[in-house]
Each structure stands twice: as structure tokens, then as C-alpha cells.
């Protein structure tokens, strides 16, 4: 097994380990009934340590940079700002979906604060791990094999498609325990956010869109 294959294995299995631990054991490390400490620590620390000591990839190449925004990107972002509240409102009308989040039906100021704390402890790490560590990491490692133009080198376009598909699998499977509409939403939202990340060479825009979705979610479910 070559260096490239070893790094790919480390990247995939470390991401799986983070998902596994967060899904089944985060409930034992919740503080203030809302801050998921295990999720926050694992989604940041494991990628940072793995990149530093094993993958040795520049953080700029991992999407940790200011976005490169084109005129086309601005048009897409404007469309998203309009479509997100519309789509979420349509989803909100689903009775089974309402039932799943019934505990948010009457929120007090304290509950809003708990939700904000929960979002802070999970969302930023989610984007850092999936859009930065996994997505950009996969693209970088897949294009490192072979020399320029050689038969065993994966093209940048192919590497991008594979990275997007793998991240979509990770994110969608993690939502299988939630309502079907959320899992279905990930089939659409995940590749879309990953594509934006690759186009802008940054995780910042997908992170802000994800946060925007969460804000509208809490507005609608209450």
C-alpha cells in the first residue's frame, strides 16, 4: 500500500470514527443540557491532529481560507436566500415532521439559548469536518497519485465528484435516524454545499448557508 492509499484510509476511517463516537456517545458529554462537548472536541481536534501529523496538507488547500466569489456564485447565493425559507416552510407543513419536533412547539427564552448553544457545539464542527477535512482532504489526496498526465492520476474533476459523493454518503447516513424529509434533504443539500465549497475554495459560504438554514428551522418549528 502506497503513501497515498495509507493517507486515504486514515482520512476515511478517522471520519467514520468521529461519526460513530458522536452518534452513540455524545449524550454522555452534554453540559448545560445543550453543549455537546464530545462532538465539538472530536470534530475539530481529530481533523487538526490528523492533518498535522499524518496527512500534512496545507490548511488553505483544506478550504480554510476566504472564499473566491464570482458573479455566478453571487447569483446562486441570492437564489438560496430566497429558496431556503420557502422550502423549509413546505417541509414544516408535513404532519409527521411536525410531530418529531413537537418538543420545540413552545419555546421560552431559555430554550432558544439552549438551541443556540447546541447549534454552536455541533454545526461549526460539522462543516469543518465534512466540508473541510473530508471533502477537501479527499480531493487533495486523490489528485496526488502519479505525475501530471500519467494514467494512474485522478483528474481534478473526477476527484471532486468522488469527494462530493463520499461526503454525501457520510452526511445522509448520519441523518437516517431523523425524519425521512431531513435525510432526503441531505441528498440534495450535501452535494450542493460541497460543490459551493469547491467552487469558492472555502468552507465559509457553506457554513453560513447551513447556519441560515438552522435559523429558519427554529423560526418555523416554533
C-alpha atoms as a PDB file:
ATOM      1  CA  UNK A   1       0.000   0.000   0.000  1.00  0.00           C
ATOM      2  CA  UNK A   2       1.438   3.357  -1.079  1.00  0.00           C
ATOM      3  CA  UNK A   3       1.544   6.610   0.874  1.00  0.00           C
ATOM      4  CA  UNK A   4      -1.484   7.970  -0.927  1.00  0.00           C
ATOM      5  CA  UNK A   5      -3.587   4.892  -0.092  1.00  0.00           C
ATOM      6  CA  UNK A   6      -2.493   4.991   3.557  1.00  0.00           C
ATOM      7  CA  UNK A   7      -3.491   8.637   3.864  1.00  0.00           C
ATOM      8  CA  UNK A   8      -6.861   7.948   2.239  1.00  0.00           C
ATOM      9  CA  UNK A   9      -7.502   5.122   4.726  1.00  0.00           C
ATOM     10  CA  UNK A  10      -6.558   7.369   7.647  1.00  0.00           C
ATOM     11  CA  UNK A  11      -8.872  10.112   6.349  1.00  0.00           C
ATOM     12  CA  UNK A  12     -11.882   7.830   5.807  1.00  0.00           C
ATOM     13  CA  UNK A  13     -11.543   5.765   8.987  1.00  0.00           C
ATOM     14  CA  UNK A  14     -10.883   8.768  11.207  1.00  0.00           C
ATOM     15  CA  UNK A  15     -14.030  10.407   9.815  1.00  0.00           C
ATOM     16  CA  UNK A  16     -16.023   7.217  10.435  1.00  0.00           C
ATOM     17  CA  UNK A  17     -14.673   7.019  13.987  1.00  0.00           C
ATOM     18  CA  UNK A  18     -15.760  10.603  14.661  1.00  0.00           C
ATOM     19  CA  UNK A  19     -19.255   9.864  13.324  1.00  0.00           C
ATOM     20  CA  UNK A  20     -19.527   6.683  15.382  1.00  0.00           C
ATOM     21  CA  UNK A  21     -18.425   8.281  18.651  1.00  0.00           C
ATOM     22  CA  UNK A  22     -20.573  11.375  18.130  1.00  0.00           C
ATOM     23  CA  UNK A  23     -23.693   9.392  17.295  1.00  0.00           C
ATOM     24  CA  UNK A  24     -23.565   6.948  20.201  1.00  0.00           C
ATOM     25  CA  UNK A  25     -21.602   8.621  22.992  1.00  0.00           C
ATOM     26  CA  UNK A  26     -22.107  12.383  22.734  1.00  0.00           C
ATOM     27  CA  UNK A  27     -25.100  12.159  25.103  1.00  0.00           C
ATOM     28  CA  UNK A  28     -22.707  11.347  27.963  1.00  0.00           C
ATOM     29  CA  UNK A  29     -20.806  14.618  27.479  1.00  0.00           C
ATOM     30  CA  UNK A  30     -23.573  17.221  27.352  1.00  0.00           C
ATOM     31  CA  UNK A  31     -23.128  20.293  29.541  1.00  0.00           C
ATOM     32  CA  UNK A  32     -25.854  22.731  30.456  1.00  0.00           C
ATOM     33  CA  UNK A  33     -28.299  20.359  28.784  1.00  0.00           C
ATOM     34  CA  UNK A  34     -27.241  21.730  25.386  1.00  0.00           C
ATOM     35  CA  UNK A  35     -23.470  21.938  24.750  1.00  0.00           C
ATOM     36  CA  UNK A  36     -22.298  18.670  23.162  1.00  0.00           C
ATOM     37  CA  UNK A  37     -18.670  18.758  24.240  1.00  0.00           C
ATOM     38  CA  UNK A  38     -17.637  15.420  22.693  1.00  0.00           C
ATOM     39  CA  UNK A  39     -18.967  16.441  19.279  1.00  0.00           C
ATOM     40  CA  UNK A  40     -17.284  19.840  19.464  1.00  0.00           C
ATOM     41  CA  UNK A  41     -13.907  18.416  20.507  1.00  0.00           C
ATOM     42  CA  UNK A  42     -13.814  15.430  18.136  1.00  0.00           C
ATOM     43  CA  UNK A  43     -14.917  17.287  15.014  1.00  0.00           C
ATOM     44  CA  UNK A  44     -12.168  19.847  15.481  1.00  0.00           C
ATOM     45  CA  UNK A  45      -9.329  18.082  17.274  1.00  0.00           C
ATOM     46  CA  UNK A  46      -9.184  14.807  15.325  1.00  0.00           C
ATOM     47  CA  UNK A  47      -9.006  16.522  11.895  1.00  0.00           C
ATOM     48  CA  UNK A  48      -6.470  19.101  13.109  1.00  0.00           C
ATOM     49  CA  UNK A  49      -4.170  16.479  14.624  1.00  0.00           C
ATOM     50  CA  UNK A  50      -4.549  14.114  11.672  1.00  0.00           C
ATOM     51  CA  UNK A  51      -3.731  16.824   9.124  1.00  0.00           C
ATOM     52  CA  UNK A  52      -0.723  17.993  11.132  1.00  0.00           C
ATOM     53  CA  UNK A  53       0.884  14.625  11.867  1.00  0.00           C
ATOM     54  CA  UNK A  54      -0.277  12.310   9.060  1.00  0.00           C
ATOM     55  CA  UNK A  55      -1.823  13.994   6.035  1.00  0.00           C
ATOM     56  CA  UNK A  56       0.418  17.080   6.038  1.00  0.00           C
ATOM     57  CA  UNK A  57      -1.858  19.106   3.729  1.00  0.00           C
ATOM     58  CA  UNK A  58      -1.926  22.896   3.713  1.00  0.00           C
ATOM     59  CA  UNK A  59      -4.954  24.289   5.539  1.00  0.00           C
ATOM     60  CA  UNK A  60      -5.543  26.620   2.606  1.00  0.00           C
ATOM     61  CA  UNK A  61      -5.974  23.531   0.436  1.00  0.00           C
ATOM     62  CA  UNK A  62      -8.416  22.184   3.042  1.00  0.00           C
ATOM     63  CA  UNK A  63     -10.805  25.076   2.442  1.00  0.00           C
ATOM     64  CA  UNK A  64      -9.714  27.111   5.464  1.00  0.00           C
ATOM     65  CA  UNK A  65      -9.488  30.375   3.548  1.00  0.00           C
ATOM     66  CA  UNK A  66     -11.574  33.323   2.406  1.00  0.00           C
ATOM     67  CA  UNK A  67     -13.960  32.330  -0.410  1.00  0.00           C
ATOM     68  CA  UNK A  68     -13.357  33.201  -4.065  1.00  0.00           C
ATOM     69  CA  UNK A  69     -16.752  34.541  -5.093  1.00  0.00           C
ATOM     70  CA  UNK A  70     -17.655  35.049  -8.749  1.00  0.00           C
ATOM     71  CA  UNK A  71     -20.672  36.814 -10.237  1.00  0.00           C
ATOM     72  CA  UNK A  72     -22.290  33.421 -10.854  1.00  0.00           C
ATOM     73  CA  UNK A  73     -21.716  32.445  -7.235  1.00  0.00           C
ATOM     74  CA  UNK A  74     -23.449  35.617  -6.062  1.00  0.00           C
ATOM     75  CA  UNK A  75     -26.465  34.770  -8.225  1.00  0.00           C
ATOM     76  CA  UNK A  76     -26.642  31.274  -6.702  1.00  0.00           C
ATOM     77  CA  UNK A  77     -26.332  32.653  -3.180  1.00  0.00           C
ATOM     78  CA  UNK A  78     -29.155  35.127  -3.787  1.00  0.00           C
ATOM     79  CA  UNK A  79     -31.349  32.256  -5.011  1.00  0.00           C
ATOM     80  CA  UNK A  80     -30.519  30.261  -1.880  1.00  0.00           C
ATOM     81  CA  UNK A  81     -31.505  33.145   0.406  1.00  0.00           C
ATOM     82  CA  UNK A  82     -34.950  33.074  -1.215  1.00  0.00           C
ATOM     83  CA  UNK A  83     -35.416  29.309  -1.611  1.00  0.00           C
ATOM     84  CA  UNK A  84     -34.368  28.178   1.887  1.00  0.00           C
ATOM     85  CA  UNK A  85     -37.307  29.719   3.816  1.00  0.00           C
ATOM     86  CA  UNK A  86     -39.751  28.622   1.090  1.00  0.00           C
ATOM     87  CA  UNK A  87     -38.554  25.003   1.080  1.00  0.00           C
ATOM     88  CA  UNK A  88     -38.447  24.797   4.877  1.00  0.00           C
ATOM     89  CA  UNK A  89     -41.970  26.168   5.123  1.00  0.00           C
ATOM     90  CA  UNK A  90     -43.238  23.458   2.755  1.00  0.00           C
ATOM     91  CA  UNK A  91     -41.445  20.788   4.837  1.00  0.00           C
ATOM     92  CA  UNK A  92     -42.915  22.275   8.021  1.00  0.00           C
ATOM     93  CA  UNK A  93     -46.425  21.524   6.727  1.00  0.00           C
ATOM     94  CA  UNK A  94     -45.704  17.784   6.897  1.00  0.00           C
ATOM     95  CA  UNK A  95     -47.549  16.406   9.959  1.00  0.00           C
ATOM     96  CA  UNK A  96     -45.067  13.631  10.786  1.00  0.00           C
ATOM     97  CA  UNK A  97     -42.213  16.120  10.605  1.00  0.00           C
ATOM     98  CA  UNK A  98     -44.036  18.450  12.993  1.00  0.00           C
ATOM     99  CA  UNK A  99     -44.553  15.556  15.399  1.00  0.00           C
ATOM    100  CA  UNK A 100     -40.847  14.725  15.511  1.00  0.00           C
ATOM    101  CA  UNK A 101     -40.002  18.262  16.666  1.00  0.00           C
ATOM    102  CA  UNK A 102     -43.077  18.734  18.827  1.00  0.00           C
ATOM    103  CA  UNK A 103     -40.884  19.428  21.877  1.00  0.00           C
ATOM    104  CA  UNK A 104     -39.930  22.757  20.255  1.00  0.00           C
ATOM    105  CA  UNK A 105     -43.567  23.825  19.876  1.00  0.00           C
ATOM    106  CA  UNK A 106     -43.455  26.323  22.738  1.00  0.00           C
ATOM    107  CA  UNK A 107     -40.025  27.742  23.271  1.00  0.00           C
ATOM    108  CA  UNK A 108     -39.042  30.033  26.107  1.00  0.00           C
ATOM    109  CA  UNK A 109     -36.042  32.363  26.010  1.00  0.00           C
ATOM    110  CA  UNK A 110     -34.057  29.723  27.901  1.00  0.00           C
ATOM    111  CA  UNK A 111     -34.903  27.106  25.279  1.00  0.00           C
ATOM    112  CA  UNK A 112     -33.808  29.425  22.486  1.00  0.00           C
ATOM    113  CA  UNK A 113     -30.500  29.838  24.281  1.00  0.00           C
ATOM    114  CA  UNK A 114     -30.142  26.061  24.646  1.00  0.00           C
ATOM    115  CA  UNK A 115     -30.830  25.591  20.951  1.00  0.00           C
ATOM    116  CA  UNK A 116     -28.274  28.269  20.064  1.00  0.00           C
ATOM    117  CA  UNK A 117     -25.692  26.577  22.315  1.00  0.00           C
ATOM    118  CA  UNK A 118     -26.458  23.180  20.785  1.00  0.00           C
ATOM    119  CA  UNK A 119     -26.080  24.631  17.289  1.00  0.00           C
ATOM    120  CA  UNK A 120     -22.765  26.272  18.195  1.00  0.00           C
ATOM    121  CA  UNK A 121     -21.402  22.984  19.567  1.00  0.00           C
ATOM    122  CA  UNK A 122     -22.409  20.934  16.515  1.00  0.00           C
ATOM    123  CA  UNK A 123     -22.785  22.994  13.333  1.00  0.00           C
ATOM    124  CA  UNK A 124     -19.334  24.586  13.079  1.00  0.00           C
ATOM    125  CA  UNK A 125     -17.598  21.280  13.740  1.00  0.00           C
ATOM    126  CA  UNK A 126     -19.895  19.573  11.223  1.00  0.00           C
ATOM    127  CA  UNK A 127     -18.842  21.891   8.416  1.00  0.00           C
ATOM    128  CA  UNK A 128     -15.186  21.871   9.457  1.00  0.00           C
ATOM    129  CA  UNK A 129     -15.097  18.071   9.443  1.00  0.00           C
ATOM    130  CA  UNK A 130     -17.258  17.294   6.401  1.00  0.00           C
ATOM    131  CA  UNK A 131     -16.646  20.225   4.077  1.00  0.00           C
ATOM    132  CA  UNK A 132     -13.053  20.931   5.078  1.00  0.00           C
ATOM    133  CA  UNK A 133     -11.345  17.818   6.405  1.00  0.00           C
ATOM    134  CA  UNK A 134     -13.222  15.166   4.422  1.00  0.00           C
ATOM    135  CA  UNK A 135     -14.203  16.957   1.193  1.00  0.00           C
ATOM    136  CA  UNK A 136     -11.042  18.928   0.508  1.00  0.00           C
ATOM    137  CA  UNK A 137      -8.892  16.188   2.037  1.00  0.00           C
ATOM    138  CA  UNK A 138     -10.296  13.599  -0.359  1.00  0.00           C
ATOM    139  CA  UNK A 139      -9.852  15.880  -3.350  1.00  0.00           C
ATOM    140  CA  UNK A 140      -6.250  16.664  -2.422  1.00  0.00           C
ATOM    141  CA  UNK A 141      -5.251  13.058  -1.760  1.00  0.00           C
ATOM    142  CA  UNK A 142      -6.985  11.681  -4.859  1.00  0.00           C
ATOM    143  CA  UNK A 143      -5.101  14.097  -7.103  1.00  0.00           C
ATOM    144  CA  UNK A 144      -1.716  13.403  -5.502  1.00  0.00           C
ATOM    145  CA  UNK A 145      -1.204   9.966  -7.096  1.00  0.00           C
ATOM    146  CA  UNK A 146       1.088   9.726 -10.078  1.00  0.00           C
ATOM    147  CA  UNK A 147       2.656  12.503 -12.088  1.00  0.00           C
ATOM    148  CA  UNK A 148       0.880  15.137 -14.150  1.00  0.00           C
ATOM    149  CA  UNK A 149      -0.941  13.432 -17.053  1.00  0.00           C
ATOM    150  CA  UNK A 150       0.010   9.880 -16.033  1.00  0.00           C
ATOM    151  CA  UNK A 151      -2.525   7.069 -16.382  1.00  0.00           C
ATOM    152  CA  UNK A 152      -2.773   6.463 -12.618  1.00  0.00           C
ATOM    153  CA  UNK A 153      -3.505  10.081 -11.735  1.00  0.00           C
ATOM    154  CA  UNK A 154      -7.099  11.002 -10.936  1.00  0.00           C
ATOM    155  CA  UNK A 155      -8.201  14.191 -12.693  1.00  0.00           C
ATOM    156  CA  UNK A 156      -9.289  17.139 -10.538  1.00  0.00           C
ATOM    157  CA  UNK A 157     -12.829  16.875 -11.892  1.00  0.00           C
ATOM    158  CA  UNK A 158     -13.093  13.164 -11.083  1.00  0.00           C
ATOM    159  CA  UNK A 159     -11.574  13.731  -7.637  1.00  0.00           C
ATOM    160  CA  UNK A 160     -14.126  16.480  -6.944  1.00  0.00           C
ATOM    161  CA  UNK A 161     -17.058  14.266  -7.960  1.00  0.00           C
ATOM    162  CA  UNK A 162     -15.815  11.350  -5.848  1.00  0.00           C
ATOM    163  CA  UNK A 163     -15.210  13.612  -2.850  1.00  0.00           C
ATOM    164  CA  UNK A 164     -18.705  15.115  -3.134  1.00  0.00           C
ATOM    165  CA  UNK A 165     -20.320  11.659  -3.380  1.00  0.00           C
ATOM    166  CA  UNK A 166     -18.440  10.297  -0.362  1.00  0.00           C
ATOM    167  CA  UNK A 167     -19.303  13.329   1.774  1.00  0.00           C
ATOM    168  CA  UNK A 168     -22.951  12.986   0.704  1.00  0.00           C
ATOM    169  CA  UNK A 169     -22.935   9.366   1.915  1.00  0.00           C
ATOM    170  CA  UNK A 170     -21.475  10.405   5.279  1.00  0.00           C
ATOM    171  CA  UNK A 171     -23.951  13.230   5.840  1.00  0.00           C
ATOM    172  CA  UNK A 172     -27.053  11.409   4.598  1.00  0.00           C
ATOM    173  CA  UNK A 173     -26.403   8.230   6.587  1.00  0.00           C
ATOM    174  CA  UNK A 174     -25.958  10.304   9.745  1.00  0.00           C
ATOM    175  CA  UNK A 175     -29.497  11.641   9.238  1.00  0.00           C
ATOM    176  CA  UNK A 176     -31.172   8.243   8.804  1.00  0.00           C
ATOM    177  CA  UNK A 177     -32.362   8.322  12.433  1.00  0.00           C
ATOM    178  CA  UNK A 178     -34.144  11.624  11.770  1.00  0.00           C
ATOM    179  CA  UNK A 179     -37.342  12.191   9.719  1.00  0.00           C
ATOM    180  CA  UNK A 180     -37.191  10.987   6.114  1.00  0.00           C
ATOM    181  CA  UNK A 181     -37.528  14.548   4.818  1.00  0.00           C
ATOM    182  CA  UNK A 182     -34.273  15.515   6.523  1.00  0.00           C
ATOM    183  CA  UNK A 183     -32.409  12.536   5.086  1.00  0.00           C
ATOM    184  CA  UNK A 184     -33.850  13.319   1.646  1.00  0.00           C
ATOM    185  CA  UNK A 185     -32.838  16.948   2.111  1.00  0.00           C
ATOM    186  CA  UNK A 186     -29.260  15.855   2.712  1.00  0.00           C
ATOM    187  CA  UNK A 187     -29.246  14.015  -0.625  1.00  0.00           C
ATOM    188  CA  UNK A 188     -29.797  17.400  -2.245  1.00  0.00           C
ATOM    189  CA  UNK A 189     -28.232  19.823   0.222  1.00  0.00           C
ATOM    190  CA  UNK A 190     -24.982  17.972   0.893  1.00  0.00           C
ATOM    191  CA  UNK A 191     -23.681  17.791  -2.709  1.00  0.00           C
ATOM    192  CA  UNK A 192     -24.872  21.346  -3.308  1.00  0.00           C
ATOM    193  CA  UNK A 193     -22.944  22.747  -0.324  1.00  0.00           C
ATOM    194  CA  UNK A 194     -19.895  20.664  -1.222  1.00  0.00           C
ATOM    195  CA  UNK A 195     -19.975  21.997  -4.770  1.00  0.00           C
ATOM    196  CA  UNK A 196     -20.142  25.572  -3.453  1.00  0.00           C
ATOM    197  CA  UNK A 197     -17.191  24.842  -1.147  1.00  0.00           C
ATOM    198  CA  UNK A 198     -15.078  23.541  -4.030  1.00  0.00           C
ATOM    199  CA  UNK A 199     -16.107  26.368  -6.353  1.00  0.00           C
ATOM    200  CA  UNK A 200     -15.282  29.054  -3.772  1.00  0.00           C
ATOM    201  CA  UNK A 201     -12.286  27.091  -2.397  1.00  0.00           C
ATOM    202  CA  UNK A 202     -13.568  27.696   1.110  1.00  0.00           C
ATOM    203  CA  UNK A 203     -15.900  26.174   3.694  1.00  0.00           C
ATOM    204  CA  UNK A 204     -17.074  29.643   4.803  1.00  0.00           C
ATOM    205  CA  UNK A 205     -20.044  30.061   2.409  1.00  0.00           C
ATOM    206  CA  UNK A 206     -21.458  26.535   3.065  1.00  0.00           C
ATOM    207  CA  UNK A 207     -21.074  27.161   6.796  1.00  0.00           C
ATOM    208  CA  UNK A 208     -23.035  30.423   6.574  1.00  0.00           C
ATOM    209  CA  UNK A 209     -25.751  28.750   4.460  1.00  0.00           C
ATOM    210  CA  UNK A 210     -26.001  25.919   6.992  1.00  0.00           C
ATOM    211  CA  UNK A 211     -26.366  28.473   9.792  1.00  0.00           C
ATOM    212  CA  UNK A 212     -29.001  30.319   7.746  1.00  0.00           C
ATOM    213  CA  UNK A 213     -30.977  27.065   7.390  1.00  0.00           C
ATOM    214  CA  UNK A 214     -30.818  26.472  11.156  1.00  0.00           C
ATOM    215  CA  UNK A 215     -32.137  29.970  11.886  1.00  0.00           C
ATOM    216  CA  UNK A 216     -35.157  29.431   9.641  1.00  0.00           C
ATOM    217  CA  UNK A 217     -35.665  25.969  11.109  1.00  0.00           C
ATOM    218  CA  UNK A 218     -36.034  27.300  14.651  1.00  0.00           C
ATOM    219  CA  UNK A 219     -38.320  30.098  13.399  1.00  0.00           C
ATOM    220  CA  UNK A 220     -40.657  27.619  11.728  1.00  0.00           C
ATOM    221  CA  UNK A 221     -40.779  24.859  14.326  1.00  0.00           C
ATOM    222  CA  UNK A 222     -41.812  27.365  16.964  1.00  0.00           C
END
